[in-house]
PDB file of N, CA and C in Angstrom:
ATOM      1  N   MET A   1     -19.961   4.055 -43.267  1.00  0.00           N
ATOM      2  CA  MET A   1     -21.032   3.770 -42.203  1.00  0.00           C
ATOM      3  C   MET A   1     -22.358   4.216 -42.268  1.00  0.00           C
ATOM      4  N   ILE A   2     -23.284   3.555 -42.260  1.00  0.00           N
ATOM      5  CA  ILE A   2     -24.717   4.431 -42.083  1.00  0.00           C
ATOM      6  C   ILE A   2     -25.184   3.990 -40.582  1.00  0.00           C
ATOM      7  N   LYS A   3     -25.459   5.097 -40.023  1.00  0.00           N
ATOM      8  CA  LYS A   3     -26.149   5.033 -38.643  1.00  0.00           C
ATOM      9  C   LYS A   3     -27.604   5.142 -39.049  1.00  0.00           C
ATOM     10  N   HIS A   4     -28.309   4.366 -38.206  1.00  0.00           N
ATOM     11  CA  HIS A   4     -30.071   4.450 -38.178  1.00  0.00           C
ATOM     12  C   HIS A   4     -30.419   4.525 -36.760  1.00  0.00           C
ATOM     13  N   VAL A   5     -30.924   5.519 -36.561  1.00  0.00           N
ATOM     14  CA  VAL A   5     -31.672   6.048 -35.317  1.00  0.00           C
ATOM     15  C   VAL A   5     -33.221   6.379 -35.478  1.00  0.00           C
ATOM     16  N   VAL A   6     -33.938   5.262 -34.539  1.00  0.00           N
ATOM     17  CA  VAL A   6     -35.254   5.672 -34.380  1.00  0.00           C
ATOM     18  C   VAL A   6     -35.460   5.732 -32.904  1.00  0.00           C
ATOM     19  N   SER A   7     -36.562   6.772 -32.853  1.00  0.00           N
ATOM     20  CA  SER A   7     -37.220   6.877 -31.383  1.00  0.00           C
ATOM     21  C   SER A   7     -38.534   6.758 -31.141  1.00  0.00           C
ATOM     22  N   TRP A   8     -39.021   6.088 -30.254  1.00  0.00           N
ATOM     23  CA  TRP A   8     -40.608   6.122 -30.005  1.00  0.00           C
ATOM     24  C   TRP A   8     -41.186   6.683 -28.935  1.00  0.00           C
ATOM     25  N   GLU A   9     -42.458   7.020 -29.375  1.00  0.00           N
ATOM     26  CA  GLU A   9     -43.275   7.385 -28.130  1.00  0.00           C
ATOM     27  C   GLU A   9     -44.458   6.237 -27.647  1.00  0.00           C
ATOM     28  N   PHE A  10     -44.439   5.867 -26.746  1.00  0.00           N
ATOM     29  CA  PHE A  10     -45.487   4.552 -26.696  1.00  0.00           C
ATOM     30  C   PHE A  10     -46.698   5.347 -26.114  1.00  0.00           C
ATOM     31  N   ALA A  11     -47.765   4.372 -26.399  1.00  0.00           N
ATOM     32  CA  ALA A  11     -49.163   4.577 -26.088  1.00  0.00           C
ATOM     33  C   ALA A  11     -49.384   4.379 -24.716  1.00  0.00           C
ATOM     34  N   LYS A  12     -49.962   5.043 -23.988  1.00  0.00           N
ATOM     35  CA  LYS A  12     -50.080   5.207 -22.595  1.00  0.00           C
ATOM     36  C   LYS A  12     -50.597   3.854 -21.929  1.00  0.00           C
ATOM     37  N   GLU A  13     -51.483   2.941 -22.519  1.00  0.00           N
ATOM     38  CA  GLU A  13     -51.764   1.774 -21.815  1.00  0.00           C
ATOM     39  C   GLU A  13     -50.667   0.773 -22.119  1.00  0.00           C
ATOM     40  N   ASN A  14     -50.530   0.207 -20.688  1.00  0.00           N
ATOM     41  CA  ASN A  14     -49.513  -0.936 -20.608  1.00  0.00           C
ATOM     42  C   ASN A  14     -47.888  -0.242 -21.059  1.00  0.00           C
ATOM     43  N   LYS A  15     -47.947   0.858 -20.605  1.00  0.00           N
ATOM     44  CA  LYS A  15     -46.442   1.507 -21.377  1.00  0.00           C
ATOM     45  C   LYS A  15     -45.327   0.921 -20.874  1.00  0.00           C
ATOM     46  N   ALA A  16     -45.180   0.811 -19.302  1.00  0.00           N
ATOM     47  CA  ALA A  16     -44.058   0.258 -18.641  1.00  0.00           C
ATOM     48  C   ALA A  16     -43.771  -1.247 -19.176  1.00  0.00           C
ATOM     49  N   THR A  17     -44.900  -1.898 -19.318  1.00  0.00           N
ATOM     50  CA  THR A  17     -44.422  -3.304 -19.664  1.00  0.00           C
ATOM     51  C   THR A  17     -44.192  -3.429 -21.201  1.00  0.00           C
ATOM     52  N   ASN A  18     -44.732  -2.668 -21.843  1.00  0.00           N
ATOM     53  CA  ASN A  18     -44.701  -2.663 -23.282  1.00  0.00           C
ATOM     54  C   ASN A  18     -43.267  -2.157 -23.534  1.00  0.00           C
ATOM     55  N   LEU A  19     -42.828  -1.060 -22.699  1.00  0.00           N
ATOM     56  CA  LEU A  19     -41.269  -0.557 -23.081  1.00  0.00           C
ATOM     57  C   LEU A  19     -40.400  -1.663 -22.766  1.00  0.00           C
ATOM     58  N   LEU A  20     -40.584  -2.531 -21.538  1.00  0.00           N
ATOM     59  CA  LEU A  20     -39.489  -3.626 -21.413  1.00  0.00           C
ATOM     60  C   LEU A  20     -39.507  -4.632 -22.480  1.00  0.00           C
ATOM     61  N   ARG A  21     -40.824  -5.108 -22.725  1.00  0.00           N
ATOM     62  CA  ARG A  21     -40.764  -6.191 -23.796  1.00  0.00           C
ATOM     63  C   ARG A  21     -40.411  -5.785 -25.423  1.00  0.00           C
ATOM     64  N   MET A  22     -40.415  -4.415 -25.671  1.00  0.00           N
ATOM     65  CA  MET A  22     -39.894  -4.132 -27.030  1.00  0.00           C
ATOM     66  C   MET A  22     -38.547  -4.127 -27.079  1.00  0.00           C
ATOM     67  N   LYS A  23     -38.026  -3.672 -25.887  1.00  0.00           N
ATOM     68  CA  LYS A  23     -36.627  -3.453 -25.781  1.00  0.00           C
ATOM     69  C   LYS A  23     -35.907  -4.713 -25.700  1.00  0.00           C
ATOM     70  N   ALA A  24     -36.481  -5.800 -25.261  1.00  0.00           N
ATOM     71  CA  ALA A  24     -35.734  -7.057 -25.277  1.00  0.00           C
ATOM     72  C   ALA A  24     -36.235  -7.611 -26.511  1.00  0.00           C
ATOM     73  N   LEU A  25     -36.995  -7.515 -27.309  1.00  0.00           N
ATOM     74  CA  LEU A  25     -37.106  -7.896 -28.532  1.00  0.00           C
ATOM     75  C   LEU A  25     -36.210  -7.175 -29.547  1.00  0.00           C
ATOM     76  N   LEU A  26     -36.301  -6.086 -29.594  1.00  0.00           N
ATOM     77  CA  LEU A  26     -35.106  -5.145 -30.476  1.00  0.00           C
ATOM     78  C   LEU A  26     -33.652  -5.986 -30.043  1.00  0.00           C
ATOM     79  N   GLU A  27     -33.424  -6.228 -28.689  1.00  0.00           N
ATOM     80  CA  GLU A  27     -31.944  -6.401 -28.255  1.00  0.00           C
ATOM     81  C   GLU A  27     -31.646  -7.946 -28.756  1.00  0.00           C
ATOM     82  N   GLU A  28     -32.632  -8.756 -29.448  1.00  0.00           N
ATOM     83  CA  GLU A  28     -32.398 -10.153 -29.998  1.00  0.00           C
ATOM     84  C   GLU A  28     -31.927  -9.936 -31.365  1.00  0.00           C
ATOM     85  N   LEU A  29     -32.485  -8.868 -32.132  1.00  0.00           N
ATOM     86  CA  LEU A  29     -31.989  -8.661 -33.626  1.00  0.00           C
ATOM     87  C   LEU A  29     -30.620  -8.834 -33.756  1.00  0.00           C
ATOM     88  N   PRO A  30     -29.500  -8.227 -33.244  1.00  0.00           N
ATOM     89  CA  PRO A  30     -28.027  -8.430 -33.408  1.00  0.00           C
ATOM     90  C   PRO A  30     -27.538 -10.225 -33.470  1.00  0.00           C
ATOM     91  N   GLU A  31     -28.214 -10.820 -33.179  1.00  0.00           N
ATOM     92  CA  GLU A  31     -27.919 -12.219 -32.967  1.00  0.00           C
ATOM     93  C   GLU A  31     -28.579 -12.987 -34.401  1.00  0.00           C
ATOM     94  N   LEU A  32     -29.701 -12.236 -34.928  1.00  0.00           N
ATOM     95  CA  LEU A  32     -30.519 -12.741 -36.092  1.00  0.00           C
ATOM     96  C   LEU A  32     -30.003 -12.161 -37.211  1.00  0.00           C
ATOM     97  N   ILE A  33     -29.325 -10.993 -37.116  1.00  0.00           N
ATOM     98  CA  ILE A  33     -29.206 -10.150 -38.530  1.00  0.00           C
ATOM     99  C   ILE A  33     -27.744  -9.817 -38.699  1.00  0.00           C
ATOM    100  N   PRO A  34     -27.067 -10.591 -39.437  1.00  0.00           N
ATOM    101  CA  PRO A  34     -25.439 -10.489 -39.398  1.00  0.00           C
ATOM    102  C   PRO A  34     -25.130  -8.947 -40.042  1.00  0.00           C
ATOM    103  N   GLU A  35     -25.670  -8.353 -40.837  1.00  0.00           N
ATOM    104  CA  GLU A  35     -25.193  -6.851 -41.418  1.00  0.00           C
ATOM    105  C   GLU A  35     -25.283  -6.049 -40.293  1.00  0.00           C
ATOM    106  N   ILE A  36     -25.833  -6.067 -38.982  1.00  0.00           N
ATOM    107  CA  ILE A  36     -25.446  -5.300 -37.794  1.00  0.00           C
ATOM    108  C   ILE A  36     -24.055  -5.226 -37.505  1.00  0.00           C
ATOM    109  N   VAL A  37     -23.838  -3.950 -37.310  1.00  0.00           N
ATOM    110  CA  VAL A  37     -22.276  -3.686 -37.050  1.00  0.00           C
ATOM    111  C   VAL A  37     -22.300  -3.102 -35.445  1.00  0.00           C
ATOM    112  N   ASP A  38     -23.106  -2.478 -35.235  1.00  0.00           N
ATOM    113  CA  ASP A  38     -23.463  -1.884 -33.901  1.00  0.00           C
ATOM    114  C   ASP A  38     -24.882  -1.759 -33.430  1.00  0.00           C
ATOM    115  N   TYR A  39     -25.260  -2.069 -32.179  1.00  0.00           N
ATOM    116  CA  TYR A  39     -26.719  -1.729 -31.962  1.00  0.00           C
ATOM    117  C   TYR A  39     -27.183  -1.569 -30.386  1.00  0.00           C
ATOM    118  N   GLU A  40     -27.680  -0.707 -30.373  1.00  0.00           N
ATOM    119  CA  GLU A  40     -27.859  -0.022 -28.964  1.00  0.00           C
ATOM    120  C   GLU A  40     -29.427   0.444 -28.675  1.00  0.00           C
ATOM    121  N   VAL A  41     -30.252   0.015 -27.679  1.00  0.00           N
ATOM    122  CA  VAL A  41     -31.435   0.525 -27.201  1.00  0.00           C
ATOM    123  C   VAL A  41     -31.551   0.657 -25.821  1.00  0.00           C
ATOM    124  N   GLY A  42     -32.105   2.198 -25.885  1.00  0.00           N
ATOM    125  CA  GLY A  42     -32.040   2.995 -24.451  1.00  0.00           C
ATOM    126  C   GLY A  42     -33.528   3.111 -24.266  1.00  0.00           C
ATOM    127  N   LEU A  43     -33.953   3.366 -23.156  1.00  0.00           N
ATOM    128  CA  LEU A  43     -35.212   3.762 -22.625  1.00  0.00           C
ATOM    129  C   LEU A  43     -34.896   4.973 -21.965  1.00  0.00           C
ATOM    130  N   ASN A  44     -35.629   6.090 -22.294  1.00  0.00           N
ATOM    131  CA  ASN A  44     -35.581   7.558 -21.552  1.00  0.00           C
ATOM    132  C   ASN A  44     -35.679   7.778 -19.977  1.00  0.00           C
ATOM    133  N   ILE A  45     -34.786   8.336 -19.576  1.00  0.00           N
ATOM    134  CA  ILE A  45     -34.915   8.457 -18.128  1.00  0.00           C
ATOM    135  C   ILE A  45     -35.143  10.053 -17.554  1.00  0.00           C
ATOM    136  N   LYS A  46     -35.402  10.709 -18.528  1.00  0.00           N
ATOM    137  CA  LYS A  46     -35.601  12.283 -18.296  1.00  0.00           C
ATOM    138  C   LYS A  46     -37.171  12.749 -18.478  1.00  0.00           C
ATOM    139  N   ASP A  47     -38.009  12.934 -17.426  1.00  0.00           N
ATOM    140  CA  ASP A  47     -39.185  13.190 -17.362  1.00  0.00           C
ATOM    141  C   ASP A  47     -39.279  14.883 -18.206  1.00  0.00           C
ATOM    142  N   SER A  48     -39.844  14.670 -19.631  1.00  0.00           N
ATOM    143  CA  SER A  48     -39.821  16.171 -20.294  1.00  0.00           C
ATOM    144  C   SER A  48     -40.992  16.099 -21.213  1.00  0.00           C
ATOM    145  N   GLU A  49     -41.662  17.144 -21.778  1.00  0.00           N
ATOM    146  CA  GLU A  49     -42.790  17.106 -22.866  1.00  0.00           C
ATOM    147  C   GLU A  49     -42.025  16.713 -23.990  1.00  0.00           C
ATOM    148  N   LEU A  50     -40.689  17.036 -24.605  1.00  0.00           N
ATOM    149  CA  LEU A  50     -39.978  16.887 -25.648  1.00  0.00           C
ATOM    150  C   LEU A  50     -39.373  15.419 -25.535  1.00  0.00           C
ATOM    151  N   ALA A  51     -39.049  14.633 -24.695  1.00  0.00           N
ATOM    152  CA  ALA A  51     -38.864  13.589 -24.751  1.00  0.00           C
ATOM    153  C   ALA A  51     -39.423  12.440 -25.224  1.00  0.00           C
ATOM    154  N   MET A  52     -39.048  11.250 -25.847  1.00  0.00           N
ATOM    155  CA  MET A  52     -39.223  10.289 -26.742  1.00  0.00           C
ATOM    156  C   MET A  52     -39.153   9.185 -25.318  1.00  0.00           C
ATOM    157  N   ASP A  53     -39.979   7.864 -25.532  1.00  0.00           N
ATOM    158  CA  ASP A  53     -39.608   6.909 -24.300  1.00  0.00           C
ATOM    159  C   ASP A  53     -38.594   5.888 -24.647  1.00  0.00           C
ATOM    160  N   MET A  54     -38.269   5.555 -25.980  1.00  0.00           N
ATOM    161  CA  MET A  54     -37.345   4.649 -25.927  1.00  0.00           C
ATOM    162  C   MET A  54     -36.405   5.048 -27.528  1.00  0.00           C
ATOM    163  N   VAL A  55     -35.124   4.447 -27.754  1.00  0.00           N
ATOM    164  CA  VAL A  55     -34.423   5.053 -28.846  1.00  0.00           C
ATOM    165  C   VAL A  55     -33.337   3.919 -29.228  1.00  0.00           C
ATOM    166  N   LEU A  56     -33.185   3.555 -30.539  1.00  0.00           N
ATOM    167  CA  LEU A  56     -32.448   2.751 -30.971  1.00  0.00           C
ATOM    168  C   LEU A  56     -31.475   3.574 -31.620  1.00  0.00           C
ATOM    169  N   ILE A  57     -30.181   3.157 -31.764  1.00  0.00           N
ATOM    170  CA  ILE A  57     -29.273   3.741 -32.469  1.00  0.00           C
ATOM    171  C   ILE A  57     -28.389   2.462 -32.949  1.00  0.00           C
ATOM    172  N   SER A  58     -28.326   2.398 -34.390  1.00  0.00           N
ATOM    173  CA  SER A  58     -27.661   1.042 -34.905  1.00  0.00           C
ATOM    174  C   SER A  58     -26.808   1.550 -35.870  1.00  0.00           C
ATOM    175  N   ALA A  59     -25.702   0.968 -36.491  1.00  0.00           N
ATOM    176  CA  ALA A  59     -24.940   1.132 -37.714  1.00  0.00           C
ATOM    177  C   ALA A  59     -24.748   0.029 -38.398  1.00  0.00           C
ATOM    178  N   PHE A  60     -24.685   0.316 -39.751  1.00  0.00           N
ATOM    179  CA  PHE A  60     -24.479  -0.951 -40.848  1.00  0.00           C
ATOM    180  C   PHE A  60     -23.420  -0.521 -41.715  1.00  0.00           C
ATOM    181  N   ALA A  61     -22.543  -1.181 -42.176  1.00  0.00           N
ATOM    182  CA  ALA A  61     -21.330  -1.047 -43.039  1.00  0.00           C
ATOM    183  C   ALA A  61     -21.662  -0.035 -44.250  1.00  0.00           C
ATOM    184  N   ASP A  62     -22.650  -0.314 -44.803  1.00  0.00           N
ATOM    185  CA  ASP A  62     -23.335   0.399 -45.930  1.00  0.00           C
ATOM    186  C   ASP A  62     -24.806   0.304 -46.096  1.00  0.00           C
ATOM    187  N   GLU A  63     -25.600   0.940 -47.268  1.00  0.00           N
ATOM    188  CA  GLU A  63     -26.896   1.020 -47.520  1.00  0.00           C
ATOM    189  C   GLU A  63     -27.288  -0.327 -47.674  1.00  0.00           C
ATOM    190  N   ALA A  64     -26.429  -1.254 -48.115  1.00  0.00           N
ATOM    191  CA  ALA A  64     -27.087  -2.547 -48.659  1.00  0.00           C
ATOM    192  C   ALA A  64     -27.387  -3.201 -47.063  1.00  0.00           C
ATOM    193  N   GLY A  65     -26.421  -3.074 -46.363  1.00  0.00           N
ATOM    194  CA  GLY A  65     -26.693  -3.591 -44.986  1.00  0.00           C
ATOM    195  C   GLY A  65     -27.853  -3.017 -44.300  1.00  0.00           C
ATOM    196  N   LEU A  66     -27.903  -1.976 -44.339  1.00  0.00           N
ATOM    197  CA  LEU A  66     -29.335  -1.355 -43.780  1.00  0.00           C
ATOM    198  C   LEU A  66     -30.700  -1.897 -44.246  1.00  0.00           C
ATOM    199  N   GLN A  67     -30.625  -1.834 -45.621  1.00  0.00           N
ATOM    200  CA  GLN A  67     -31.570  -2.749 -46.546  1.00  0.00           C
ATOM    201  C   GLN A  67     -32.219  -4.034 -46.245  1.00  0.00           C
ATOM    202  N   ALA A  68     -30.871  -4.929 -45.870  1.00  0.00           N
ATOM    203  CA  ALA A  68     -30.950  -6.172 -45.305  1.00  0.00           C
ATOM    204  C   ALA A  68     -31.556  -6.453 -43.873  1.00  0.00           C
ATOM    205  N   TYR A  69     -31.066  -5.481 -43.223  1.00  0.00           N
ATOM    206  CA  TYR A  69     -31.718  -5.087 -41.872  1.00  0.00           C
ATOM    207  C   TYR A  69     -33.597  -4.821 -42.030  1.00  0.00           C
ATOM    208  N   ALA A  70     -33.693  -4.001 -42.871  1.00  0.00           N
ATOM    209  CA  ALA A  70     -35.276  -3.588 -42.830  1.00  0.00           C
ATOM    210  C   ALA A  70     -35.807  -4.586 -43.376  1.00  0.00           C
ATOM    211  N   LYS A  71     -35.389  -5.580 -44.189  1.00  0.00           N
ATOM    212  CA  LYS A  71     -36.123  -6.730 -44.632  1.00  0.00           C
ATOM    213  C   LYS A  71     -36.260  -7.863 -43.828  1.00  0.00           C
ATOM    214  N   HIS A  72     -35.312  -8.125 -43.219  1.00  0.00           N
ATOM    215  CA  HIS A  72     -35.128  -9.493 -42.549  1.00  0.00           C
ATOM    216  C   HIS A  72     -36.531  -9.608 -41.879  1.00  0.00           C
ATOM    217  N   PRO A  73     -37.013 -10.856 -41.466  1.00  0.00           N
ATOM    218  CA  PRO A  73     -38.293 -11.295 -41.179  1.00  0.00           C
ATOM    219  C   PRO A  73     -38.134 -11.032 -39.563  1.00  0.00           C
ATOM    220  N   GLY A  74     -37.319 -11.152 -38.937  1.00  0.00           N
ATOM    221  CA  GLY A  74     -37.151 -11.047 -37.530  1.00  0.00           C
ATOM    222  C   GLY A  74     -37.313  -9.462 -37.586  1.00  0.00           C
ATOM    223  N   HIS A  75     -36.750  -8.445 -37.976  1.00  0.00           N
ATOM    224  CA  HIS A  75     -36.921  -7.245 -37.916  1.00  0.00           C
ATOM    225  C   HIS A  75     -38.360  -6.676 -38.213  1.00  0.00           C
ATOM    226  N   ARG A  76     -38.875  -7.174 -39.176  1.00  0.00           N
ATOM    227  CA  ARG A  76     -40.179  -6.793 -39.676  1.00  0.00           C
ATOM    228  C   ARG A  76     -41.183  -7.174 -38.887  1.00  0.00           C
ATOM    229  N   ARG A  77     -41.030  -8.442 -37.900  1.00  0.00           N
ATOM    230  CA  ARG A  77     -41.921  -9.016 -36.807  1.00  0.00           C
ATOM    231  C   ARG A  77     -41.743  -7.824 -35.691  1.00  0.00           C
ATOM    232  N   VAL A  78     -40.693  -7.328 -35.268  1.00  0.00           N
ATOM    233  CA  VAL A  78     -40.640  -6.324 -34.278  1.00  0.00           C
ATOM    234  C   VAL A  78     -41.287  -5.195 -34.670  1.00  0.00           C
ATOM    235  N   VAL A  79     -41.098  -4.697 -35.830  1.00  0.00           N
ATOM    236  CA  VAL A  79     -41.770  -3.387 -36.350  1.00  0.00           C
ATOM    237  C   VAL A  79     -43.633  -3.433 -36.318  1.00  0.00           C
ATOM    238  N   GLU A  80     -43.710  -4.622 -36.485  1.00  0.00           N
ATOM    239  CA  GLU A  80     -45.305  -4.758 -36.315  1.00  0.00           C
ATOM    240  C   GLU A  80     -45.867  -4.768 -35.133  1.00  0.00           C
ATOM    241  N   GLU A  81     -44.929  -5.275 -34.028  1.00  0.00           N
ATOM    242  CA  GLU A  81     -45.398  -5.238 -32.526  1.00  0.00           C
ATOM    243  C   GLU A  81     -45.361  -3.779 -32.235  1.00  0.00           C
ATOM    244  N   LEU A  82     -44.000  -3.191 -32.689  1.00  0.00           N
ATOM    245  CA  LEU A  82     -43.762  -1.637 -32.135  1.00  0.00           C
ATOM    246  C   LEU A  82     -45.132  -0.919 -32.504  1.00  0.00           C
ATOM    247  N   HIS A  83     -45.593  -1.016 -33.966  1.00  0.00           N
ATOM    248  CA  HIS A  83     -46.724  -0.369 -34.514  1.00  0.00           C
ATOM    249  C   HIS A  83     -48.061  -0.413 -33.776  1.00  0.00           C
ATOM    250  N   GLN A  84     -48.179  -1.767 -32.954  1.00  0.00           N
ATOM    251  CA  GLN A  84     -49.226  -1.938 -31.842  1.00  0.00           C
ATOM    252  C   GLN A  84     -49.167  -1.150 -30.610  1.00  0.00           C
ATOM    253  N   VAL A  85     -47.887  -0.989 -30.155  1.00  0.00           N
ATOM    254  CA  VAL A  85     -47.883  -0.120 -28.917  1.00  0.00           C
ATOM    255  C   VAL A  85     -47.372   1.364 -28.822  1.00  0.00           C
ATOM    256  N   THR A  86     -47.018   1.744 -29.928  1.00  0.00           N
ATOM    257  CA  THR A  86     -46.376   3.101 -29.987  1.00  0.00           C
ATOM    258  C   THR A  86     -47.145   4.056 -30.727  1.00  0.00           C
ATOM    259  N   SER A  87     -47.304   5.449 -30.577  1.00  0.00           N
ATOM    260  CA  SER A  87     -48.087   6.663 -31.244  1.00  0.00           C
ATOM    261  C   SER A  87     -47.253   7.257 -31.829  1.00  0.00           C
ATOM    262  N   LYS A  88     -46.048   7.291 -31.876  1.00  0.00           N
ATOM    263  CA  LYS A  88     -45.175   8.043 -32.858  1.00  0.00           C
ATOM    264  C   LYS A  88     -43.886   7.673 -32.900  1.00  0.00           C
ATOM    265  N   ALA A  89     -43.395   7.488 -34.130  1.00  0.00           N
ATOM    266  CA  ALA A  89     -42.040   7.179 -34.268  1.00  0.00           C
ATOM    267  C   ALA A  89     -41.293   8.470 -35.074  1.00  0.00           C
ATOM    268  N   VAL A  90     -39.910   8.645 -34.801  1.00  0.00           N
ATOM    269  CA  VAL A  90     -39.124   9.357 -35.570  1.00  0.00           C
ATOM    270  C   VAL A  90     -37.863   8.955 -36.046  1.00  0.00           C
ATOM    271  N   ILE A  91     -37.456   8.868 -37.222  1.00  0.00           N
ATOM    272  CA  ILE A  91     -36.188   8.158 -37.681  1.00  0.00           C
ATOM    273  C   ILE A  91     -35.194   8.935 -38.630  1.00  0.00           C
ATOM    274  N   VAL A  92     -33.879   9.000 -38.297  1.00  0.00           N
ATOM    275  CA  VAL A  92     -32.937   9.460 -39.078  1.00  0.00           C
ATOM    276  C   VAL A  92     -31.729   8.365 -39.388  1.00  0.00           C
ATOM    277  N   ASP A  93     -31.532   8.253 -40.681  1.00  0.00           N
ATOM    278  CA  ASP A  93     -30.653   7.582 -41.039  1.00  0.00           C
ATOM    279  C   ASP A  93     -29.403   8.748 -41.557  1.00  0.00           C
ATOM    280  N   TYR A  94     -28.137   8.435 -41.493  1.00  0.00           N
ATOM    281  CA  TYR A  94     -27.189   9.367 -41.951  1.00  0.00           C
ATOM    282  C   TYR A  94     -26.138   8.397 -42.064  1.00  0.00           C
ATOM    283  N   LYS A  95     -24.838   9.249 -42.822  1.00  0.00           N
ATOM    284  CA  LYS A  95     -23.581   8.550 -43.284  1.00  0.00           C
ATOM    285  C   LYS A  95     -22.416   9.405 -42.153  1.00  0.00           C
ATOM    286  N   THR A  96     -21.745   8.371 -41.721  1.00  0.00           N
ATOM    287  CA  THR A  96     -20.562   8.853 -40.924  1.00  0.00           C
ATOM    288  C   THR A  96     -19.268   8.626 -41.778  1.00  0.00           C
TER     289      THR A  96
END
């Protein structure tokens, strides 16, 4: 199993709106991409200088599944939109 974890810091402009919109777009992907085994999107609830604004925790059977997800047109579209409204992203991929 491969876990793919991404957290984002959103730009301040229209932050609340963008958070909800991007969460909704990310949550559509499991219906489009059969390689997704598990998928969770969460919004930060803690006020801290160290906190990111949103996190994605996803799982794939293997590296091939993660690569299929990364190349999927639906995923690419969401990533392009995320680049427009975020100021930082941190990614960790690991095997379980």
